[in-house]
C-alpha atoms as a PDB file:
ATOM      1  CA  MET A   1     115.170  87.044 -47.893  1.00  0.00           C
ATOM      2  CA  VAL A   2     113.665  90.292 -46.275  1.00  0.00           C
ATOM      3  CA  THR A   3     111.575  91.859 -48.442  1.00  0.00           C
ATOM      4  CA  LEU A   4     111.502  95.881 -49.022  1.00  0.00           C
ATOM      5  CA  THR A   5     108.215  96.417 -47.264  1.00  0.00           C
ATOM      6  CA  GLN A   6     109.206  94.289 -44.448  1.00  0.00           C
ATOM      7  CA  ARG A   7     112.290  96.729 -43.973  1.00  0.00           C
ATOM      8  CA  PHE A   8     110.177  99.648 -44.020  1.00  0.00           C
ATOM      9  CA  THR A   9     107.883  98.221 -41.541  1.00  0.00           C
ATOM     10  CA  GLY A  10     110.731  96.983 -39.522  1.00  0.00           C
ATOM     11  CA  CYS A  11     112.178 100.899 -39.388  1.00  0.00           C
ATOM     12  CA  LEU A  12     109.034 102.511 -38.347  1.00  0.00           C
ATOM     13  CA  VAL A  13     107.685 100.003 -36.213  1.00  0.00           C
ATOM     14  CA  GLY A  14     111.330  99.258 -34.794  1.00  0.00           C
ATOM     15  CA  GLY A  15     111.699 102.854 -34.085  1.00  0.00           C
ATOM     16  CA  LEU A  16     108.622 103.082 -32.002  1.00  0.00           C
ATOM     17  CA  LEU A  17     109.486 100.023 -29.755  1.00  0.00           C
ATOM     18  CA  GLY A  18     112.957 101.423 -29.141  1.00  0.00           C
ATOM     19  CA  ASP A  19     111.235 104.879 -28.214  1.00  0.00           C
ATOM     20  CA  VAL A  20     108.325 103.095 -25.784  1.00  0.00           C
ATOM     21  CA  ILE A  21     111.086 101.156 -23.914  1.00  0.00           C
ATOM     22  CA  GLY A  22     113.692 103.827 -23.683  1.00  0.00           C
ATOM     23  CA  ALA A  23     111.157 106.272 -22.240  1.00  0.00           C
ATOM     24  CA  PRO A  24     110.424 104.745 -18.623  1.00  0.00           C
ATOM     25  CA  VAL A  25     114.344 105.359 -18.040  1.00  0.00           C
ATOM     26  CA  GLU A  26     115.101 108.229 -19.775  1.00  0.00           C
ATOM     27  CA  ALA A  27     118.082 110.549 -18.394  1.00  0.00           C
ATOM     28  CA  GLU A  28     118.628 107.951 -15.789  1.00  0.00           C
ATOM     29  CA  SER A  29     122.420 106.652 -14.890  1.00  0.00           C
ATOM     30  CA  ALA A  30     123.653 103.145 -16.796  1.00  0.00           C
ATOM     31  CA  ALA A  31     124.500 102.394 -12.960  1.00  0.00           C
ATOM     32  CA  TYR A  32     121.042 102.940 -11.842  1.00  0.00           C
ATOM     33  CA  ILE A  33     119.480 101.100 -15.217  1.00  0.00           C
ATOM     34  CA  ARG A  34     121.853  97.934 -14.517  1.00  0.00           C
ATOM     35  CA  LYS A  35     120.951  97.863 -10.524  1.00  0.00           C
ATOM     36  CA  THR A  36     117.211  98.080 -11.028  1.00  0.00           C
ATOM     37  CA  PHE A  37     116.607  96.032 -14.380  1.00  0.00           C
ATOM     38  CA  ARG A  38     117.943  92.663 -15.764  1.00  0.00           C
ATOM     39  CA  THR A  39     116.456  92.992 -18.793  1.00  0.00           C
ATOM     40  CA  VAL A  40     113.980  95.232 -20.955  1.00  0.00           C
ATOM     41  CA  ASP A  41     111.111  92.820 -20.086  1.00  0.00           C
ATOM     42  CA  ASP A  42     111.885  93.883 -16.527  1.00  0.00           C
ATOM     43  CA  ILE A  43     111.164  97.413 -17.625  1.00  0.00           C
ATOM     44  CA  LEU A  44     108.083  96.781 -19.730  1.00  0.00           C
ATOM     45  CA  ALA A  45     106.439  94.825 -16.668  1.00  0.00           C
ATOM     46  CA  LEU A  46     106.264  98.331 -14.693  1.00  0.00           C
ATOM     47  CA  ASP A  47     102.749 100.146 -14.859  1.00  0.00           C
ATOM     48  CA  ARG A  48     104.375 103.241 -14.495  1.00  0.00           C
ATOM     49  CA  VAL A  49     107.572 105.442 -13.237  1.00  0.00           C
ATOM     50  CA  GLU A  50     107.750 108.518 -11.419  1.00  0.00           C
ATOM     51  CA  GLU A  51     109.094 111.670 -13.101  1.00  0.00           C
ATOM     52  CA  LEU A  52     111.683 114.261 -11.925  1.00  0.00           C
ATOM     53  CA  LEU A  53     108.576 116.783 -10.883  1.00  0.00           C
ATOM     54  CA  GLY A  54     106.587 113.987  -9.218  1.00  0.00           C
ATOM     55  CA  ALA A  55     104.349 113.251 -11.927  1.00  0.00           C
ATOM     56  CA  TYR A  56     103.918 109.508 -13.378  1.00  0.00           C
ATOM     57  CA  TRP A  57     104.999 108.201 -16.721  1.00  0.00           C
ATOM     58  CA  THR A  58     102.610 105.186 -18.170  1.00  0.00           C
ATOM     59  CA  VAL A  59     104.839 102.549 -19.330  1.00  0.00           C
ATOM     60  CA  GLY A  60     104.054 101.686 -22.756  1.00  0.00           C
ATOM     61  CA  ARG A  61     103.441 105.207 -24.271  1.00  0.00           C
ATOM     62  CA  TYR A  62     105.735 106.770 -27.040  1.00  0.00           C
ATOM     63  CA  THR A  63     107.249 109.988 -26.917  1.00  0.00           C
ATOM     64  CA  ASP A  64     107.862 113.010 -29.142  1.00  0.00           C
ATOM     65  CA  ASP A  65     110.354 110.608 -31.026  1.00  0.00           C
ATOM     66  CA  THR A  66     107.652 108.775 -32.676  1.00  0.00           C
ATOM     67  CA  GLN A  67     105.135 111.368 -32.605  1.00  0.00           C
ATOM     68  CA  MET A  68     107.284 113.654 -34.728  1.00  0.00           C
ATOM     69  CA  THR A  69     108.392 110.644 -37.008  1.00  0.00           C
ATOM     70  CA  LEU A  70     104.983 110.167 -37.793  1.00  0.00           C
ATOM     71  CA  CYS A  71     104.621 113.768 -38.790  1.00  0.00           C
ATOM     72  CA  VAL A  72     107.417 113.328 -40.874  1.00  0.00           C
ATOM     73  CA  ALA A  73     105.853 110.115 -42.659  1.00  0.00           C
ATOM     74  CA  GLU A  74     102.621 112.173 -43.175  1.00  0.00           C
ATOM     75  CA  TRP A  75     104.107 115.049 -44.547  1.00  0.00           C
ATOM     76  CA  LEU A  76     106.404 112.878 -47.020  1.00  0.00           C
ATOM     77  CA  LEU A  77     103.228 111.274 -48.154  1.00  0.00           C
ATOM     78  CA  GLU A  78     100.710 114.128 -48.534  1.00  0.00           C
ATOM     79  CA  ASP A  79     102.956 117.596 -48.728  1.00  0.00           C
ATOM     80  CA  GLY A  80     106.210 116.715 -50.499  1.00  0.00           C
ATOM     81  CA  PRO A  81     109.532 117.159 -48.864  1.00  0.00           C
ATOM     82  CA  THR A  82     110.154 120.747 -49.931  1.00  0.00           C
ATOM     83  CA  ASP A  83     107.738 122.896 -47.653  1.00  0.00           C
ATOM     84  CA  GLY A  84     109.146 123.036 -44.272  1.00  0.00           C
ATOM     85  CA  CYS A  85     106.078 125.477 -43.278  1.00  0.00           C
ATOM     86  CA  LYS A  86     103.982 122.528 -43.655  1.00  0.00           C
ATOM     87  CA  LEU A  87     105.960 120.077 -41.807  1.00  0.00           C
ATOM     88  CA  LEU A  88     106.294 122.506 -38.902  1.00  0.00           C
ATOM     89  CA  ALA A  89     102.399 123.003 -38.983  1.00  0.00           C
ATOM     90  CA  ARG A  90     101.863 119.164 -38.830  1.00  0.00           C
ATOM     91  CA  PHE A  91     104.696 119.365 -35.677  1.00  0.00           C
ATOM     92  CA  SER A  92     102.864 122.070 -34.180  1.00  0.00           C
ATOM     93  CA  GLU A  93      99.203 120.603 -34.530  1.00  0.00           C
ATOM     94  CA  ALA A  94     100.624 117.359 -33.085  1.00  0.00           C
ATOM     95  CA  PHE A  95     102.250 118.815 -30.113  1.00  0.00           C
ATOM     96  CA  ARG A  96     101.533 117.761 -26.529  1.00  0.00           C
ATOM     97  CA  PRO A  97     103.969 118.636 -23.806  1.00  0.00           C
ATOM     98  CA  ALA A  98     103.033 115.229 -21.958  1.00  0.00           C
ATOM     99  CA  ARG A  99     105.150 113.965 -24.749  1.00  0.00           C
ATOM    100  CA  ARG A 100     108.219 115.156 -23.286  1.00  0.00           C
ATOM    101  CA  TYR A 101     109.433 117.355 -25.998  1.00  0.00           C
ATOM    102  CA  GLY A 102     112.716 119.403 -25.781  1.00  0.00           C
ATOM    103  CA  SER A 103     112.478 122.970 -24.228  1.00  0.00           C
ATOM    104  CA  SER A 104     113.517 124.415 -27.504  1.00  0.00           C
ATOM    105  CA  THR A 105     111.335 122.283 -29.839  1.00  0.00           C
ATOM    106  CA  ALA A 106     108.309 123.215 -27.577  1.00  0.00           C
ATOM    107  CA  ALA A 107     108.992 126.681 -27.615  1.00  0.00           C
ATOM    108  CA  ILE A 108     109.221 126.480 -31.590  1.00  0.00           C
ATOM    109  CA  LEU A 109     105.960 124.730 -31.674  1.00  0.00           C
ATOM    110  CA  GLN A 110     104.090 127.000 -29.094  1.00  0.00           C
ATOM    111  CA  ALA A 111     104.923 130.037 -31.103  1.00  0.00           C
ATOM    112  CA  PHE A 112     104.147 128.589 -34.690  1.00  0.00           C
ATOM    113  CA  GLU A 113     100.647 129.571 -34.761  1.00  0.00           C
ATOM    114  CA  GLU A 114     101.463 133.222 -33.888  1.00  0.00           C
ATOM    115  CA  HIS A 115     104.094 133.440 -35.977  1.00  0.00           C
ATOM    116  CA  GLN A 116     103.806 131.166 -39.111  1.00  0.00           C
ATOM    117  CA  GLU A 117     104.998 134.264 -41.240  1.00  0.00           C
ATOM    118  CA  GLU A 118     108.214 134.163 -39.647  1.00  0.00           C
ATOM    119  CA  TRP A 119     108.405 130.418 -39.315  1.00  0.00           C
ATOM    120  CA  ARG A 120     111.941 130.159 -40.708  1.00  0.00           C
ATOM    121  CA  ALA A 121     113.052 132.337 -37.739  1.00  0.00           C
ATOM    122  CA  LEU A 122     111.598 130.103 -35.015  1.00  0.00           C
ATOM    123  CA  ALA A 123     114.603 127.572 -35.248  1.00  0.00           C
ATOM    124  CA  THR A 124     116.787 130.138 -33.541  1.00  0.00           C
ATOM    125  CA  LEU A 125     114.448 131.238 -30.905  1.00  0.00           C
ATOM    126  CA  MET A 126     116.432 129.884 -28.073  1.00  0.00           C
ATOM    127  CA  PHE A 127     119.644 129.094 -29.589  1.00  0.00           C
ATOM    128  CA  PRO A 128     120.926 132.097 -31.870  1.00  0.00           C
ATOM    129  CA  SER A 129     123.150 129.228 -33.984  1.00  0.00           C
ATOM    130  CA  GLY A 130     120.413 126.895 -33.917  1.00  0.00           C
ATOM    131  CA  SER A 131     120.036 123.660 -31.660  1.00  0.00           C
ATOM    132  CA  TYR A 132     122.236 120.686 -32.286  1.00  0.00           C
ATOM    133  CA  GLY A 133     120.320 118.599 -30.330  1.00  0.00           C
ATOM    134  CA  ASN A 134     119.161 114.701 -31.939  1.00  0.00           C
ATOM    135  CA  GLY A 135     115.392 116.005 -32.075  1.00  0.00           C
ATOM    136  CA  SER A 136     115.963 116.160 -35.929  1.00  0.00           C
ATOM    137  CA  ALA A 137     118.032 112.970 -36.469  1.00  0.00           C
ATOM    138  CA  MET A 138     115.267 110.881 -34.374  1.00  0.00           C
ATOM    139  CA  ARG A 139     112.384 111.449 -36.704  1.00  0.00           C
ATOM    140  CA  VAL A 140     114.295 110.573 -40.057  1.00  0.00           C
ATOM    141  CA  GLY A 141     113.281 107.103 -40.568  1.00  0.00           C
ATOM    142  CA  PRO A 142     110.725 108.059 -43.266  1.00  0.00           C
ATOM    143  CA  ILE A 143     113.052 110.003 -44.913  1.00  0.00           C
ATOM    144  CA  GLY A 144     115.875 107.343 -45.121  1.00  0.00           C
ATOM    145  CA  CYS A 145     113.151 104.727 -46.220  1.00  0.00           C
ATOM    146  CA  LEU A 146     111.124 106.687 -49.027  1.00  0.00           C
ATOM    147  CA  TYR A 147     114.540 108.040 -50.670  1.00  0.00           C
ATOM    148  CA  TYR A 148     116.862 105.102 -50.170  1.00  0.00           C
ATOM    149  CA  GLN A 149     117.778 104.899 -53.495  1.00  0.00           C
ATOM    150  CA  ASP A 150     117.974 108.727 -54.003  1.00  0.00           C
ATOM    151  CA  PRO A 151     120.352 110.299 -52.220  1.00  0.00           C
ATOM    152  CA  PRO A 152     120.324 113.861 -53.282  1.00  0.00           C
ATOM    153  CA  ALA A 153     116.322 113.825 -52.405  1.00  0.00           C
ATOM    154  CA  LEU A 154     117.217 112.725 -48.849  1.00  0.00           C
ATOM    155  CA  PHE A 155     119.847 115.025 -48.179  1.00  0.00           C
ATOM    156  CA  LYS A 156     117.334 117.743 -49.387  1.00  0.00           C
ATOM    157  CA  ALA A 157     114.528 116.336 -47.298  1.00  0.00           C
ATOM    158  CA  CYS A 158     116.813 115.973 -44.288  1.00  0.00           C
ATOM    159  CA  ARG A 159     118.076 119.758 -44.522  1.00  0.00           C
ATOM    160  CA  VAL A 160     114.446 120.925 -44.987  1.00  0.00           C
ATOM    161  CA  SER A 161     112.972 118.941 -41.969  1.00  0.00           C
ATOM    162  CA  SER A 162     115.979 119.698 -39.479  1.00  0.00           C
ATOM    163  CA  LEU A 163     115.682 123.386 -40.365  1.00  0.00           C
ATOM    164  CA  THR A 164     112.251 123.880 -39.030  1.00  0.00           C
ATOM    165  CA  THR A 165     113.442 122.811 -35.311  1.00  0.00           C
ATOM    166  CA  HIS A 166     117.150 121.927 -35.585  1.00  0.00           C
ATOM    167  CA  SER A 167     118.974 124.222 -37.623  1.00  0.00           C
ATOM    168  CA  HIS A 168     122.742 124.039 -36.320  1.00  0.00           C
ATOM    169  CA  PRO A 169     125.099 122.268 -38.883  1.00  0.00           C
ATOM    170  CA  LEU A 170     125.865 119.363 -36.386  1.00  0.00           C
ATOM    171  CA  ALA A 171     121.895 118.468 -36.034  1.00  0.00           C
ATOM    172  CA  ILE A 172     121.657 118.666 -39.927  1.00  0.00           C
ATOM    173  CA  GLN A 173     124.774 116.538 -40.295  1.00  0.00           C
ATOM    174  CA  GLY A 174     123.284 113.830 -37.710  1.00  0.00           C
ATOM    175  CA  ALA A 175     119.898 113.612 -39.353  1.00  0.00           C
ATOM    176  CA  THR A 176     121.380 113.181 -42.574  1.00  0.00           C
ATOM    177  CA  LEU A 177     123.855 110.481 -41.447  1.00  0.00           C
ATOM    178  CA  GLN A 178     120.947 108.636 -39.624  1.00  0.00           C
ATOM    179  CA  ALA A 179     118.838 108.544 -42.632  1.00  0.00           C
ATOM    180  CA  SER A 180     121.548 107.710 -45.045  1.00  0.00           C
ATOM    181  CA  ALA A 181     122.360 104.681 -42.698  1.00  0.00           C
ATOM    182  CA  ILE A 182     118.912 103.505 -42.973  1.00  0.00           C
ATOM    183  CA  ALA A 183     118.734 103.954 -46.583  1.00  0.00           C
ATOM    184  CA  ALA A 184     121.950 101.901 -46.758  1.00  0.00           C
ATOM    185  CA  LEU A 185     120.187  98.885 -45.106  1.00  0.00           C
ATOM    186  CA  MET A 186     117.322  99.127 -47.614  1.00  0.00           C
ATOM    187  CA  ARG A 187     119.560  98.632 -50.527  1.00  0.00           C
ATOM    188  CA  GLY A 188     121.448  96.020 -48.811  1.00  0.00           C
ATOM    189  CA  GLY A 189     120.851  92.342 -48.782  1.00  0.00           C
ATOM    190  CA  ASP A 190     120.444  89.944 -45.800  1.00  0.00           C
ATOM    191  CA  VAL A 191     124.100  89.815 -44.716  1.00  0.00           C
ATOM    192  CA  LEU A 192     125.874  93.139 -43.828  1.00  0.00           C
ATOM    193  CA  GLU A 193     129.489  93.603 -44.972  1.00  0.00           C
ATOM    194  CA  VAL A 194     130.224  96.150 -41.771  1.00  0.00           C
ATOM    195  CA  ASP A 195     133.331  97.765 -43.497  1.00  0.00           C
ATOM    196  CA  ARG A 196     131.847  98.271 -46.832  1.00  0.00           C
ATOM    197  CA  TYR A 197     128.727  99.844 -44.625  1.00  0.00           C
ATOM    198  CA  LEU A 198     130.950 102.033 -43.041  1.00  0.00           C
ATOM    199  CA  GLN A 199     132.798 103.318 -46.033  1.00  0.00           C
ATOM    200  CA  SER A 200     129.313 104.099 -47.488  1.00  0.00           C
ATOM    201  CA  LEU A 201     128.403 106.323 -44.357  1.00  0.00           C
ATOM    202  CA  ASP A 202     132.088 108.032 -44.845  1.00  0.00           C
ATOM    203  CA  LEU A 203     131.004 109.081 -48.544  1.00  0.00           C
ATOM    204  CA  VAL A 204     127.977 110.562 -46.850  1.00  0.00           C
ATOM    205  CA  LEU A 205     130.165 112.622 -44.835  1.00  0.00           C
ATOM    206  CA  LYS A 206     132.403 113.367 -47.634  1.00  0.00           C
ATOM    207  CA  ARG A 207     129.296 115.012 -49.621  1.00  0.00           C
ATOM    208  CA  LEU A 208     128.309 116.664 -46.547  1.00  0.00           C
ATOM    209  CA  ALA A 209     131.478 118.544 -46.475  1.00  0.00           C
ATOM    210  CA  ARG A 210     131.007 119.454 -50.035  1.00  0.00           C
ATOM    211  CA  GLU A 211     127.819 120.950 -49.248  1.00  0.00           C
ATOM    212  CA  GLY A 212     128.418 122.666 -45.941  1.00  0.00           C
ATOM    213  CA  PRO A 213     130.808 122.623 -42.991  1.00  0.00           C
ATOM    214  CA  GLU A 214     133.285 119.810 -42.297  1.00  0.00           C
ATOM    215  CA  PRO A 215     131.511 117.431 -40.282  1.00  0.00           C
ATOM    216  CA  MET A 216     134.674 116.558 -38.283  1.00  0.00           C
ATOM    217  CA  GLU A 217     132.762 115.147 -35.242  1.00  0.00           C
ATOM    218  CA  TYR A 218     131.052 112.516 -37.222  1.00  0.00           C
ATOM    219  CA  ARG A 219     134.316 111.710 -38.961  1.00  0.00           C
ATOM    220  CA  GLN A 220     135.699 110.992 -35.530  1.00  0.00           C
ATOM    221  CA  ALA A 221     133.039 109.101 -34.385  1.00  0.00           C
ATOM    222  CA  LEU A 222     132.875 106.654 -37.465  1.00  0.00           C
ATOM    223  CA  GLN A 223     136.640 106.065 -36.783  1.00  0.00           C
ATOM    224  CA  THR A 224     135.838 104.951 -32.932  1.00  0.00           C
ATOM    225  CA  ILE A 225     132.671 102.866 -34.044  1.00  0.00           C
ATOM    226  CA  ALA A 226     135.270 101.412 -36.524  1.00  0.00           C
ATOM    227  CA  ASP A 227     137.912 100.512 -33.708  1.00  0.00           C
ATOM    228  CA  GLY A 228     135.231  99.644 -31.330  1.00  0.00           C
ATOM    229  CA  LEU A 229     133.782  96.711 -33.479  1.00  0.00           C
ATOM    230  CA  ALA A 230     137.464  95.453 -34.549  1.00  0.00           C
ATOM    231  CA  ALA A 231     138.069  95.142 -30.432  1.00  0.00           C
ATOM    232  CA  SER A 232     134.499  93.704 -30.071  1.00  0.00           C
ATOM    233  CA  HIS A 233     134.183  96.402 -27.230  1.00  0.00           C
ATOM    234  CA  GLU A 234     130.455  96.178 -25.572  1.00  0.00           C
ATOM    235  CA  PRO A 235     128.514  99.264 -26.607  1.00  0.00           C
ATOM    236  CA  ALA A 236     128.731 100.561 -22.579  1.00  0.00           C
ATOM    237  CA  ARG A 237     132.356 100.907 -23.310  1.00  0.00           C
ATOM    238  CA  VAL A 238     132.424 102.764 -26.467  1.00  0.00           C
ATOM    239  CA  ALA A 239     129.829 105.235 -24.761  1.00  0.00           C
ATOM    240  CA  GLU A 240     132.571 106.648 -22.880  1.00  0.00           C
ATOM    241  CA  THR A 241     133.977 108.043 -25.656  1.00  0.00           C
ATOM    242  CA  LEU A 242     130.656 108.587 -28.071  1.00  0.00           C
ATOM    243  CA  GLY A 243     128.436 109.626 -25.298  1.00  0.00           C
ATOM    244  CA  THR A 244     124.727 109.031 -24.781  1.00  0.00           C
ATOM    245  CA  GLY A 245     123.506 112.602 -24.254  1.00  0.00           C
ATOM    246  CA  LEU A 246     120.983 115.027 -26.063  1.00  0.00           C
ATOM    247  CA  GLU A 247     123.696 116.155 -28.630  1.00  0.00           C
ATOM    248  CA  ALA A 248     123.123 114.637 -32.436  1.00  0.00           C
ATOM    249  CA  LYS A 249     126.849 114.027 -32.468  1.00  0.00           C
ATOM    250  CA  GLU A 250     126.861 111.780 -29.294  1.00  0.00           C
ATOM    251  CA  ALA A 251     123.142 110.010 -30.176  1.00  0.00           C
ATOM    252  CA  VAL A 252     123.395 109.473 -33.670  1.00  0.00           C
ATOM    253  CA  PRO A 253     126.831 107.548 -33.823  1.00  0.00           C
ATOM    254  CA  MET A 254     125.896 105.688 -30.344  1.00  0.00           C
ATOM    255  CA  ALA A 255     122.857 104.551 -31.858  1.00  0.00           C
ATOM    256  CA  LEU A 256     124.683 103.244 -34.913  1.00  0.00           C
ATOM    257  CA  TYR A 257     127.243 101.303 -32.671  1.00  0.00           C
ATOM    258  CA  CYS A 258     124.368  99.681 -30.846  1.00  0.00           C
ATOM    259  CA  PHE A 259     123.044  98.420 -34.169  1.00  0.00           C
ATOM    260  CA  LEU A 260     126.326  97.191 -35.558  1.00  0.00           C
ATOM    261  CA  PHE A 261     127.495  95.600 -32.416  1.00  0.00           C
ATOM    262  CA  ALA A 262     124.504  93.324 -32.089  1.00  0.00           C
ATOM    263  CA  ARG A 263     123.147  93.445 -35.599  1.00  0.00           C
ATOM    264  CA  ASP A 264     121.494  89.936 -36.052  1.00  0.00           C
ATOM    265  CA  SER A 265     119.353  90.567 -33.034  1.00  0.00           C
ATOM    266  CA  PHE A 266     116.705  93.358 -32.636  1.00  0.00           C
ATOM    267  CA  GLU A 267     116.214  92.351 -28.757  1.00  0.00           C
ATOM    268  CA  GLN A 268     119.985  92.722 -28.130  1.00  0.00           C
ATOM    269  CA  VAL A 269     120.417  96.031 -29.961  1.00  0.00           C
ATOM    270  CA  ILE A 270     117.422  97.715 -27.851  1.00  0.00           C
ATOM    271  CA  HIS A 271     118.932  96.222 -24.717  1.00  0.00           C
ATOM    272  CA  HIS A 272     122.617  97.674 -25.114  1.00  0.00           C
ATOM    273  CA  ALA A 273     120.710 100.901 -26.265  1.00  0.00           C
ATOM    274  CA  VAL A 274     118.440 101.327 -23.188  1.00  0.00           C
ATOM    275  CA  PHE A 275     120.982  99.883 -20.616  1.00  0.00           C
ATOM    276  CA  LEU A 276     123.588 102.477 -21.784  1.00  0.00           C
ATOM    277  CA  GLY A 277     121.564 105.558 -19.592  1.00  0.00           C
ATOM    278  CA  GLY A 278     121.330 108.928 -20.861  1.00  0.00           C
ATOM    279  CA  ASP A 279     118.747 109.628 -23.560  1.00  0.00           C
ATOM    280  CA  THR A 280     117.698 106.147 -23.636  1.00  0.00           C
ATOM    281  CA  ASP A 281     114.417 106.834 -25.665  1.00  0.00           C
ATOM    282  CA  THR A 282     116.105 108.493 -28.727  1.00  0.00           C
ATOM    283  CA  ILE A 283     119.115 106.233 -28.802  1.00  0.00           C
ATOM    284  CA  ALA A 284     117.072 103.235 -28.709  1.00  0.00           C
ATOM    285  CA  SER A 285     114.401 104.716 -31.299  1.00  0.00           C
ATOM    286  CA  MET A 286     117.050 105.327 -33.626  1.00  0.00           C
ATOM    287  CA  ALA A 287     119.134 101.813 -32.693  1.00  0.00           C
ATOM    288  CA  GLY A 288     115.631 100.358 -33.169  1.00  0.00           C
ATOM    289  CA  ALA A 289     115.062 101.798 -36.831  1.00  0.00           C
ATOM    290  CA  LEU A 290     118.395 100.872 -37.882  1.00  0.00           C
ATOM    291  CA  SER A 291     117.819  97.124 -36.745  1.00  0.00           C
ATOM    292  CA  GLY A 292     114.147  96.752 -37.881  1.00  0.00           C
ATOM    293  CA  ALA A 293     115.342  98.129 -41.450  1.00  0.00           C
ATOM    294  CA  PHE A 294     118.271  95.366 -41.507  1.00  0.00           C
ATOM    295  CA  LEU A 295     116.441  92.511 -40.138  1.00  0.00           C
ATOM    296  CA  GLY A 296     112.870  93.606 -41.260  1.00  0.00           C
ATOM    297  CA  GLU A 297     109.389  93.314 -39.205  1.00  0.00           C
ATOM    298  CA  LYS A 298     109.597  89.616 -38.435  1.00  0.00           C
ATOM    299  CA  CYS A 299     112.304  90.456 -35.987  1.00  0.00           C
ATOM    300  CA  LEU A 300     110.080  92.837 -33.926  1.00  0.00           C
ATOM    301  CA  PRO A 301     109.085  90.809 -30.368  1.00  0.00           C
ATOM    302  CA  GLY A 302     105.409  90.542 -30.250  1.00  0.00           C
ATOM    303  CA  ARG A 303     105.106  90.302 -26.746  1.00  0.00           C
ATOM    304  CA  TRP A 304     107.087  94.061 -26.815  1.00  0.00           C
ATOM    305  CA  CYS A 305     104.519  95.308 -29.165  1.00  0.00           C
ATOM    306  CA  ALA A 306     101.531  93.950 -27.210  1.00  0.00           C
ATOM    307  CA  ARG A 307     102.978  96.317 -24.322  1.00  0.00           C
ATOM    308  CA  LEU A 308     102.231  99.377 -26.281  1.00  0.00           C
ATOM    309  CA  ARG A 309      99.627 101.542 -24.479  1.00  0.00           C
ATOM    310  CA  ASP A 310      98.682 104.285 -27.079  1.00  0.00           C
ATOM    311  CA  GLU A 311      95.632 103.934 -29.145  1.00  0.00           C
ATOM    312  CA  ASP A 312      96.366 106.726 -31.662  1.00  0.00           C
ATOM    313  CA  ILE A 313      99.750 105.328 -32.857  1.00  0.00           C
ATOM    314  CA  THR A 314     100.177 101.671 -33.019  1.00  0.00           C
ATOM    315  CA  PRO A 315     102.260  99.105 -34.536  1.00  0.00           C
ATOM    316  CA  GLY A 316      99.610  98.311 -36.723  1.00  0.00           C
ATOM    317  CA  SER A 317      99.309 102.014 -37.794  1.00  0.00           C
ATOM    318  CA  MET A 318     102.765 102.762 -38.394  1.00  0.00           C
ATOM    319  CA  ALA A 319     103.089  99.399 -40.513  1.00  0.00           C
ATOM    320  CA  GLY A 320     100.229 100.615 -42.649  1.00  0.00           C
ATOM    321  CA  LEU A 321     102.446 104.057 -42.842  1.00  0.00           C
ATOM    322  CA  ALA A 322     105.561 101.684 -44.007  1.00  0.00           C
ATOM    323  CA  ARG A 323     103.499  99.886 -46.542  1.00  0.00           C
ATOM    324  CA  GLN A 324     102.323 103.646 -48.419  1.00  0.00           C
ATOM    325  CA  LEU A 325     106.100 104.760 -48.284  1.00  0.00           C
ATOM    326  CA  ALA A 326     107.240 101.543 -49.810  1.00  0.00           C
ATOM    327  CA  GLY A 327     104.429 102.042 -52.563  1.00  0.00           C
ATOM    328  CA  ARG A 328     105.618 105.495 -53.265  1.00  0.00           C
ATOM    329  CA  ALA A 329     109.123 104.331 -53.388  1.00  0.00           C
ATOM    330  CA  GLU A 330     108.665 101.443 -55.685  1.00  0.00           C
ATOM    331  CA  CYS A 331     106.537 103.938 -57.934  1.00  0.00           C
ATOM    332  CA  SER A 332     109.306 106.540 -57.848  1.00  0.00           C
ATOM    333  CA  ASN A 333     111.894 103.775 -58.799  1.00  0.00           C
ATOM    334  CA  LEU A 334     110.021 102.567 -61.375  1.00  0.00           C
ATOM    335  CA  GLY A 335     109.354 106.082 -63.150  1.00  0.00           C
ATOM    336  CA  SER A 336     113.133 106.709 -62.779  1.00  0.00           C
END
């Protein structure tokens, strides 16, 4: 039986691995990736890849997905889930442009130091209605872990986290759906009943509808996921409908489909997510978090973990955070 701590660790380290593996082919087409590589291991065998502007990306490095996930975990453990300003301060302090931050998020984090008093307004710096990108959904793994037994707290933490950088309803809904999908796996057993699992996520959307705008895009996506699974369609085929772009309404459902399609194999989940093309690092990171949450840390390939090339965030350090979150969650459940 997979223990709670193993699931927490699988979620955080699985997200890290997906990010690292998807990064070298981010924004590439599915056709290019399939033509150039046969397997994920072929991608990880590279030393570096050329970026659009002529610089090089070192294979084995993580992106903003992992950096911001780390910030969320530390925020939950040290500050609590109600102070968005403190979370934004963590994001700003950790900001390194070379981690491939999106332009809107980068602008917010660069402006924060001089505009801390107006931090709530920064989320609409570039987009008057707020960003509906996947940047807040990609970092909610720790929220789904810590509040797996407390949906109201999960909803609130997702909202506070998202409002710092991605304040559009579609972004908040996507973040909440991703965190809830992780939480449901924490509550479940070692066998996943897909129909019941999707029904639980539909209940999440119903609650979101009661609290805000109707999440129509996500309702349609869940139906597409159910139909695709029933027909045993490969993720690449379903991607023609769901999409693989930067928007939360595309990336969150696509990651969920990759996980559900290959739910018994972490390696296959990541393979499908990466070989879709598009926003590969974020889709693979979210799919990896889901797969790791279900299968636990023992599913994570040691050869992939050994390929990481960053010293400040490692599988070991992420596992340490996971253990802290698991301890906090267990204490909260005992006290409730």
